[in-house]
Each structure stands twice: as C-alpha cells, then as structure tokens.
Amino acid sequence: MSAETSEMELDLLQRRADATNCYCNRHRNWDPTRGNGDLYLQLKKKYRGDPNGESILRYATADEIHRKLGELETRRAC
C-alpha cells in the first residue's frame, strides 16, 4: 500500500499545523480504495496523558488540510 501524500508535502503540512497548535499525520489504516485522503488534522494534546487530541479533519487530502490550515491561520491573525 502506498501513501497518497508525498513525504515532502507531509513535512510542509506538519510545519504549518505545528504553527497553529495542531498536529497532522497519516492514518495508519488508510485504504486507497475508499477514495478519500490519507491524512488527519487534530488539535495538539493538552497534556501527555490525553489519549487523543480533538479531531478537526479525518481521512483528508493534502489540499483539504491546506485549506483548513489557511482558515485557522486567518482566524489566528485577527
């Protein structure tokens, strides 16, 4: 199974996500036959014992993550 998003694109998304207090990564169980993206975006965990951060996007494409991060960056700038 190959990943849809390149390593370079994922690195860029992770850097943008980090700047907005979010976390971006690949889904472990992504299935390319489902026709959705291989990425997720979530808020960073508040503390280490937190099992999961709050999910923002699931099974998203790189373009969807870029759009959402743009919205978050715009809100933060206001």
PDB file of N, CA and C in Angstrom:
ATOM      1  N   MET A   1       0.856  -1.181   0.000  1.00  0.00           N
ATOM      2  CA  MET A   1       0.000   0.000   0.000  1.00  0.00           C
ATOM      3  C   MET A   1       0.899   1.241   0.000  1.00  0.00           C
ATOM      4  N   SER A   2       0.680   2.094  -0.941  1.00  0.00           N
ATOM      5  CA  SER A   2       1.486   3.315  -0.997  1.00  0.00           C
ATOM      6  C   SER A   2       0.689   4.498  -0.456  1.00  0.00           C
ATOM      7  N   ALA A   3       1.397   5.448   0.079  1.00  0.00           N
ATOM      8  CA  ALA A   3       0.757   6.635   0.648  1.00  0.00           C
ATOM      9  C   ALA A   3       0.417   7.614  -0.469  1.00  0.00           C
ATOM     10  N   GLU A   4      -0.691   8.283  -0.326  1.00  0.00           N
ATOM     11  CA  GLU A   4      -1.132   9.251  -1.324  1.00  0.00           C
ATOM     12  C   GLU A   4      -0.312  10.531  -1.249  1.00  0.00           C
ATOM     13  N   THR A   5      -0.023  11.007  -0.058  1.00  0.00           N
ATOM     14  CA  THR A   5       0.685  12.269   0.156  1.00  0.00           C
ATOM     15  C   THR A   5       2.192  12.019   0.211  1.00  0.00           C
ATOM     16  N   SER A   6       2.958  12.806  -0.534  1.00  0.00           N
ATOM     17  CA  SER A   6       4.414  12.634  -0.531  1.00  0.00           C
ATOM     18  C   SER A   6       4.999  13.052   0.817  1.00  0.00           C
ATOM     19  N   GLU A   7       6.199  12.573   1.085  1.00  0.00           N
ATOM     20  CA  GLU A   7       6.881  12.924   2.333  1.00  0.00           C
ATOM     21  C   GLU A   7       7.136  14.429   2.414  1.00  0.00           C
ATOM     22  N   MET A   8       7.496  15.043   1.294  1.00  0.00           N
ATOM     23  CA  MET A   8       7.777  16.478   1.274  1.00  0.00           C
ATOM     24  C   MET A   8       6.506  17.277   1.589  1.00  0.00           C
ATOM     25  N   GLU A   9       5.378  16.882   1.006  1.00  0.00           N
ATOM     26  CA  GLU A   9       4.105  17.562   1.261  1.00  0.00           C
ATOM     27  C   GLU A   9       3.684  17.374   2.715  1.00  0.00           C
ATOM     28  N   LEU A  10       3.846  16.165   3.234  1.00  0.00           N
ATOM     29  CA  LEU A  10       3.502  15.895   4.630  1.00  0.00           C
ATOM     30  C   LEU A  10       4.345  16.747   5.566  1.00  0.00           C
ATOM     31  N   ASP A  11       5.629  16.878   5.282  1.00  0.00           N
ATOM     32  CA  ASP A  11       6.517  17.703   6.108  1.00  0.00           C
ATOM     33  C   ASP A  11       6.044  19.158   6.135  1.00  0.00           C
ATOM     34  N   LEU A  12       5.680  19.693   4.978  1.00  0.00           N
ATOM     35  CA  LEU A  12       5.172  21.064   4.898  1.00  0.00           C
ATOM     36  C   LEU A  12       3.885  21.217   5.716  1.00  0.00           C
ATOM     37  N   LEU A  13       2.974  20.268   5.574  1.00  0.00           N
ATOM     38  CA  LEU A  13       1.718  20.322   6.326  1.00  0.00           C
ATOM     39  C   LEU A  13       1.973  20.243   7.832  1.00  0.00           C
ATOM     40  N   GLN A  14       2.889  19.394   8.242  1.00  0.00           N
ATOM     41  CA  GLN A  14       3.188  19.255   9.666  1.00  0.00           C
ATOM     42  C   GLN A  14       3.774  20.540  10.238  1.00  0.00           C
ATOM     43  N   ARG A  15       4.596  21.234   9.467  1.00  0.00           N
ATOM     44  CA  ARG A  15       5.164  22.505   9.934  1.00  0.00           C
ATOM     45  C   ARG A  15       4.078  23.571  10.062  1.00  0.00           C
ATOM     46  N   ARG A  16       3.182  23.647   9.070  1.00  0.00           N
ATOM     47  CA  ARG A  16       2.078  24.607   9.141  1.00  0.00           C
ATOM     48  C   ARG A  16       1.149  24.278  10.310  1.00  0.00           C
ATOM     49  N   ALA A  17       0.867  22.996  10.487  1.00  0.00           N
ATOM     50  CA  ALA A  17      -0.018  22.572  11.571  1.00  0.00           C
ATOM     51  C   ALA A  17       0.588  22.925  12.923  1.00  0.00           C
ATOM     52  N   ASP A  18       1.865  22.690  13.086  1.00  0.00           N
ATOM     53  CA  ASP A  18       2.553  22.988  14.338  1.00  0.00           C
ATOM     54  C   ASP A  18       2.427  24.472  14.698  1.00  0.00           C
ATOM     55  N   ALA A  19       2.512  25.337  13.698  1.00  0.00           N
ATOM     56  CA  ALA A  19       2.422  26.783  13.924  1.00  0.00           C
ATOM     57  C   ALA A  19       1.016  27.211  14.349  1.00  0.00           C
ATOM     58  N   THR A  20       0.006  26.371  14.103  1.00  0.00           N
ATOM     59  CA  THR A  20      -1.371  26.698  14.505  1.00  0.00           C
ATOM     60  C   THR A  20      -1.836  25.839  15.686  1.00  0.00           C
ATOM     61  N   ASN A  21      -0.872  25.242  16.398  1.00  0.00           N
ATOM     62  CA  ASN A  21      -1.151  24.402  17.567  1.00  0.00           C
ATOM     63  C   ASN A  21      -1.957  23.162  17.194  1.00  0.00           C
ATOM     64  N   CYS A  22      -1.663  22.616  16.011  1.00  0.00           N
ATOM     65  CA  CYS A  22      -2.324  21.402  15.535  1.00  0.00           C
ATOM     66  C   CYS A  22      -1.276  20.344  15.216  1.00  0.00           C
ATOM     67  N   TYR A  23      -1.766  19.165  14.912  1.00  0.00           N
ATOM     68  CA  TYR A  23      -0.918  18.041  14.564  1.00  0.00           C
ATOM     69  C   TYR A  23      -1.487  17.395  13.311  1.00  0.00           C
ATOM     70  N   CYS A  24      -0.649  17.099  12.345  1.00  0.00           N
ATOM     71  CA  CYS A  24      -1.061  16.470  11.094  1.00  0.00           C
ATOM     72  C   CYS A  24      -0.221  15.222  10.870  1.00  0.00           C
ATOM     73  N   ASN A  25      -0.869  14.138  10.454  1.00  0.00           N
ATOM     74  CA  ASN A  25      -0.130  12.913  10.153  1.00  0.00           C
ATOM     75  C   ASN A  25      -0.980  12.014   9.272  1.00  0.00           C
ATOM     76  N   ARG A  26      -0.412  10.859   8.901  1.00  0.00           N
ATOM     77  CA  ARG A  26      -1.130   9.877   8.091  1.00  0.00           C
ATOM     78  C   ARG A  26      -1.959   8.952   8.986  1.00  0.00           C
ATOM     79  N   HIS A  27      -3.081   8.494   8.451  1.00  0.00           N
ATOM     80  CA  HIS A  27      -3.846   7.445   9.124  1.00  0.00           C
ATOM     81  C   HIS A  27      -3.088   6.130   8.986  1.00  0.00           C
ATOM     82  N   ARG A  28      -3.054   5.358  10.039  1.00  0.00           N
ATOM     83  CA  ARG A  28      -2.380   4.057   9.988  1.00  0.00           C
ATOM     84  C   ARG A  28      -3.117   3.081   9.076  1.00  0.00           C
ATOM     85  N   ASN A  29      -4.430   3.106   9.118  1.00  0.00           N
ATOM     86  CA  ASN A  29      -5.241   2.122   8.400  1.00  0.00           C
ATOM     87  C   ASN A  29      -5.922   2.701   7.173  1.00  0.00           C
ATOM     88  N   TRP A  30      -5.266   3.621   6.496  1.00  0.00           N
ATOM     89  CA  TRP A  30      -5.846   4.236   5.305  1.00  0.00           C
ATOM     90  C   TRP A  30      -5.979   3.213   4.190  1.00  0.00           C
ATOM     91  N   ASP A  31      -7.127   3.230   3.527  1.00  0.00           N
ATOM     92  CA  ASP A  31      -7.394   2.309   2.432  1.00  0.00           C
ATOM     93  C   ASP A  31      -7.592   3.121   1.149  1.00  0.00           C
ATOM     94  N   PRO A  32      -6.673   3.051   0.201  1.00  0.00           N
ATOM     95  CA  PRO A  32      -6.774   3.872  -1.010  1.00  0.00           C
ATOM     96  C   PRO A  32      -7.992   3.547  -1.862  1.00  0.00           C
ATOM     97  N   THR A  33      -8.593   2.379  -1.680  1.00  0.00           N
ATOM     98  CA  THR A  33      -9.763   2.018  -2.482  1.00  0.00           C
ATOM     99  C   THR A  33     -11.028   2.756  -2.042  1.00  0.00           C
ATOM    100  N   ARG A  34     -10.989   3.413  -0.891  1.00  0.00           N
ATOM    101  CA  ARG A  34     -12.168   4.132  -0.400  1.00  0.00           C
ATOM    102  C   ARG A  34     -12.336   5.498  -1.055  1.00  0.00           C
ATOM    103  N   GLY A  35     -11.296   6.001  -1.698  1.00  0.00           N
ATOM    104  CA  GLY A  35     -11.402   7.256  -2.417  1.00  0.00           C
ATOM    105  C   GLY A  35     -11.313   8.506  -1.560  1.00  0.00           C
ATOM    106  N   ASN A  36     -10.752   8.387  -0.379  1.00  0.00           N
ATOM    107  CA  ASN A  36     -10.574   9.566   0.477  1.00  0.00           C
ATOM    108  C   ASN A  36      -9.090   9.788   0.727  1.00  0.00           C
ATOM    109  N   GLY A  37      -8.770  10.821   1.480  1.00  0.00           N
ATOM    110  CA  GLY A  37      -7.378  11.148   1.749  1.00  0.00           C
ATOM    111  C   GLY A  37      -6.754  10.276   2.819  1.00  0.00           C
ATOM    112  N   ASP A  38      -5.442  10.390   2.943  1.00  0.00           N
ATOM    113  CA  ASP A  38      -4.694   9.567   3.893  1.00  0.00           C
ATOM    114  C   ASP A  38      -4.258  10.317   5.142  1.00  0.00           C
ATOM    115  N   LEU A  39      -4.728  11.570   5.302  1.00  0.00           N
ATOM    116  CA  LEU A  39      -4.247  12.416   6.391  1.00  0.00           C
ATOM    117  C   LEU A  39      -5.331  12.747   7.415  1.00  0.00           C
ATOM    118  N   TYR A  40      -4.868  13.152   8.592  1.00  0.00           N
ATOM    119  CA  TYR A  40      -5.781  13.711   9.588  1.00  0.00           C
ATOM    120  C   TYR A  40      -5.149  14.955  10.198  1.00  0.00           C
ATOM    121  N   LEU A  41      -6.004  15.817  10.713  1.00  0.00           N
ATOM    122  CA  LEU A  41      -5.580  17.048  11.380  1.00  0.00           C
ATOM    123  C   LEU A  41      -6.304  17.106  12.705  1.00  0.00           C
ATOM    124  N   GLN A  42      -5.558  17.351  13.761  1.00  0.00           N
ATOM    125  CA  GLN A  42      -6.172  17.444  15.091  1.00  0.00           C
ATOM    126  C   GLN A  42      -5.476  18.509  15.909  1.00  0.00           C
ATOM    127  N   LEU A  43      -6.165  18.968  16.942  1.00  0.00           N
ATOM    128  CA  LEU A  43      -5.544  19.888  17.881  1.00  0.00           C
ATOM    129  C   LEU A  43      -4.502  19.120  18.675  1.00  0.00           C
ATOM    130  N   LYS A  44      -3.425  19.797  19.055  1.00  0.00           N
ATOM    131  CA  LYS A  44      -2.402  19.139  19.863  1.00  0.00           C
ATOM    132  C   LYS A  44      -2.983  18.753  21.216  1.00  0.00           C
ATOM    133  N   LYS A  45      -2.442  17.689  21.780  1.00  0.00           N
ATOM    134  CA  LYS A  45      -2.864  17.251  23.102  1.00  0.00           C
ATOM    135  C   LYS A  45      -2.475  18.294  24.131  1.00  0.00           C
ATOM    136  N   LYS A  46      -3.350  18.487  25.119  1.00  0.00           N
ATOM    137  CA  LYS A  46      -3.053  19.466  26.163  1.00  0.00           C
ATOM    138  C   LYS A  46      -2.030  18.931  27.156  1.00  0.00           C
ATOM    139  N   TYR A  47      -2.063  17.626  27.395  1.00  0.00           N
ATOM    140  CA  TYR A  47      -1.086  17.014  28.292  1.00  0.00           C
ATOM    141  C   TYR A  47      -0.808  15.590  27.822  1.00  0.00           C
ATOM    142  N   ARG A  48       0.267  15.050  28.264  1.00  0.00           N
ATOM    143  CA  ARG A  48       0.736  13.767  27.766  1.00  0.00           C
ATOM    144  C   ARG A  48      -0.252  12.615  27.965  1.00  0.00           C
ATOM    145  N   GLY A  49      -0.993  12.615  29.039  1.00  0.00           N
ATOM    146  CA  GLY A  49      -1.924  11.530  29.330  1.00  0.00           C
ATOM    147  C   GLY A  49      -3.204  11.569  28.505  1.00  0.00           C
ATOM    148  N   ASP A  50      -3.406  12.638  27.761  1.00  0.00           N
ATOM    149  CA  ASP A  50      -4.584  12.784  26.911  1.00  0.00           C
ATOM    150  C   ASP A  50      -4.532  11.730  25.802  1.00  0.00           C
ATOM    151  N   PRO A  51      -5.548  10.846  25.689  1.00  0.00           N
ATOM    152  CA  PRO A  51      -5.465   9.776  24.695  1.00  0.00           C
ATOM    153  C   PRO A  51      -5.477  10.288  23.253  1.00  0.00           C
ATOM    154  N   ASN A  52      -6.252  11.296  22.957  1.00  0.00           N
ATOM    155  CA  ASN A  52      -6.326  11.851  21.604  1.00  0.00           C
ATOM    156  C   ASN A  52      -6.577  13.347  21.672  1.00  0.00           C
ATOM    157  N   GLY A  53      -6.033  14.054  20.701  1.00  0.00           N
ATOM    158  CA  GLY A  53      -6.366  15.460  20.571  1.00  0.00           C
ATOM    159  C   GLY A  53      -7.725  15.567  19.890  1.00  0.00           C
ATOM    160  N   GLU A  54      -8.306  16.742  19.916  1.00  0.00           N
ATOM    161  CA  GLU A  54      -9.606  16.943  19.273  1.00  0.00           C
ATOM    162  C   GLU A  54      -9.424  16.903  17.761  1.00  0.00           C
ATOM    163  N   SER A  55     -10.171  16.025  17.113  1.00  0.00           N
ATOM    164  CA  SER A  55     -10.044  15.844  15.671  1.00  0.00           C
ATOM    165  C   SER A  55     -10.710  16.987  14.912  1.00  0.00           C
ATOM    166  N   ILE A  56     -10.027  17.519  13.902  1.00  0.00           N
ATOM    167  CA  ILE A  56     -10.563  18.577  13.055  1.00  0.00           C
ATOM    168  C   ILE A  56     -10.973  17.999  11.705  1.00  0.00           C
ATOM    169  N   LEU A  57     -10.074  17.253  11.070  1.00  0.00           N
ATOM    170  CA  LEU A  57     -10.350  16.580   9.799  1.00  0.00           C
ATOM    171  C   LEU A  57      -9.846  15.149   9.870  1.00  0.00           C
ATOM    172  N   ARG A  58     -10.606  14.233   9.272  1.00  0.00           N
ATOM    173  CA  ARG A  58     -10.199  12.829   9.186  1.00  0.00           C
ATOM    174  C   ARG A  58     -10.238  12.391   7.730  1.00  0.00           C
ATOM    175  N   TYR A  59      -9.347  11.507   7.378  1.00  0.00           N
ATOM    176  CA  TYR A  59      -9.257  10.971   6.014  1.00  0.00           C
ATOM    177  C   TYR A  59      -9.352  12.090   4.987  1.00  0.00           C
ATOM    178  N   ALA A  60      -8.489  13.084   5.154  1.00  0.00           N
ATOM    179  CA  ALA A  60      -8.484  14.272   4.300  1.00  0.00           C
ATOM    180  C   ALA A  60      -7.310  14.213   3.319  1.00  0.00           C
ATOM    181  N   THR A  61      -7.463  14.937   2.228  1.00  0.00           N
ATOM    182  CA  THR A  61      -6.373  15.077   1.259  1.00  0.00           C
ATOM    183  C   THR A  61      -5.475  16.226   1.702  1.00  0.00           C
ATOM    184  N   ALA A  62      -4.315  16.331   1.076  1.00  0.00           N
ATOM    185  CA  ALA A  62      -3.391  17.426   1.387  1.00  0.00           C
ATOM    186  C   ALA A  62      -4.047  18.774   1.098  1.00  0.00           C
ATOM    187  N   ASP A  63      -4.806  18.875   0.007  1.00  0.00           N
ATOM    188  CA  ASP A  63      -5.481  20.136  -0.324  1.00  0.00           C
ATOM    189  C   ASP A  63      -6.500  20.529   0.736  1.00  0.00           C
ATOM    190  N   GLU A  64      -7.240  19.555   1.248  1.00  0.00           N
ATOM    191  CA  GLU A  64      -8.222  19.845   2.306  1.00  0.00           C
ATOM    192  C   GLU A  64      -7.527  20.336   3.577  1.00  0.00           C
ATOM    193  N   ILE A  65      -6.407  19.717   3.911  1.00  0.00           N
ATOM    194  CA  ILE A  65      -5.651  20.134   5.095  1.00  0.00           C
ATOM    195  C   ILE A  65      -5.108  21.555   4.891  1.00  0.00           C
ATOM    196  N   HIS A  66      -4.562  21.839   3.712  1.00  0.00           N
ATOM    197  CA  HIS A  66      -4.055  23.189   3.420  1.00  0.00           C
ATOM    198  C   HIS A  66      -5.161  24.237   3.582  1.00  0.00           C
ATOM    199  N   ARG A  67      -6.361  23.948   3.051  1.00  0.00           N
ATOM    200  CA  ARG A  67      -7.482  24.896   3.170  1.00  0.00           C
ATOM    201  C   ARG A  67      -7.859  25.134   4.625  1.00  0.00           C
ATOM    202  N   LYS A  68      -7.942  24.062   5.400  1.00  0.00           N
ATOM    203  CA  LYS A  68      -8.321  24.189   6.813  1.00  0.00           C
ATOM    204  C   LYS A  68      -7.252  24.955   7.589  1.00  0.00           C
ATOM    205  N   LEU A  69      -5.987  24.685   7.320  1.00  0.00           N
ATOM    206  CA  LEU A  69      -4.922  25.412   7.996  1.00  0.00           C
ATOM    207  C   LEU A  69      -4.958  26.890   7.620  1.00  0.00           C
ATOM    208  N   GLY A  70      -5.297  27.195   6.374  1.00  0.00           N
ATOM    209  CA  GLY A  70      -5.453  28.587   5.953  1.00  0.00           C
ATOM    210  C   GLY A  70      -6.531  29.287   6.756  1.00  0.00           C
ATOM    211  N   GLU A  71      -7.655  28.603   6.978  1.00  0.00           N
ATOM    212  CA  GLU A  71      -8.742  29.169   7.802  1.00  0.00           C
ATOM    213  C   GLU A  71      -8.259  29.416   9.226  1.00  0.00           C
ATOM    214  N   LEU A  72      -7.565  28.440   9.786  1.00  0.00           N
ATOM    215  CA  LEU A  72      -7.074  28.567  11.163  1.00  0.00           C
ATOM    216  C   LEU A  72      -6.050  29.696  11.280  1.00  0.00           C
ATOM    217  N   GLU A  73      -5.180  29.830  10.291  1.00  0.00           N
ATOM    218  CA  GLU A  73      -4.184  30.902  10.302  1.00  0.00           C
ATOM    219  C   GLU A  73      -4.842  32.272  10.190  1.00  0.00           C
ATOM    220  N   THR A  74      -5.893  32.365   9.374  1.00  0.00           N
ATOM    221  CA  THR A  74      -6.623  33.634   9.210  1.00  0.00           C
ATOM    222  C   THR A  74      -7.308  34.031  10.518  1.00  0.00           C
ATOM    223  N   ARG A  75      -7.941  33.067  11.172  1.00  0.00           N
ATOM    224  CA  ARG A  75      -8.602  33.345  12.457  1.00  0.00           C
ATOM    225  C   ARG A  75      -7.594  33.796  13.503  1.00  0.00           C
ATOM    226  N   ARG A  76      -6.442  33.172  13.475  1.00  0.00           N
ATOM    227  CA  ARG A  76      -5.395  33.480  14.466  1.00  0.00           C
ATOM    228  C   ARG A  76      -4.831  34.888  14.263  1.00  0.00           C
ATOM    229  N   ALA A  77      -4.776  35.335  13.009  1.00  0.00           N
ATOM    230  CA  ALA A  77      -4.219  36.644  12.690  1.00  0.00           C
ATOM    231  C   ALA A  77      -5.155  37.789  13.076  1.00  0.00           C
ATOM    232  N   CYS A  78      -6.435  37.490  13.201  1.00  0.00           N
ATOM    233  CA  CYS A  78      -7.412  38.556  13.533  1.00  0.00           C
ATOM    234  C   CYS A  78      -7.365  38.962  14.975  1.00  0.00           C
TER     235      CYS A  78
END
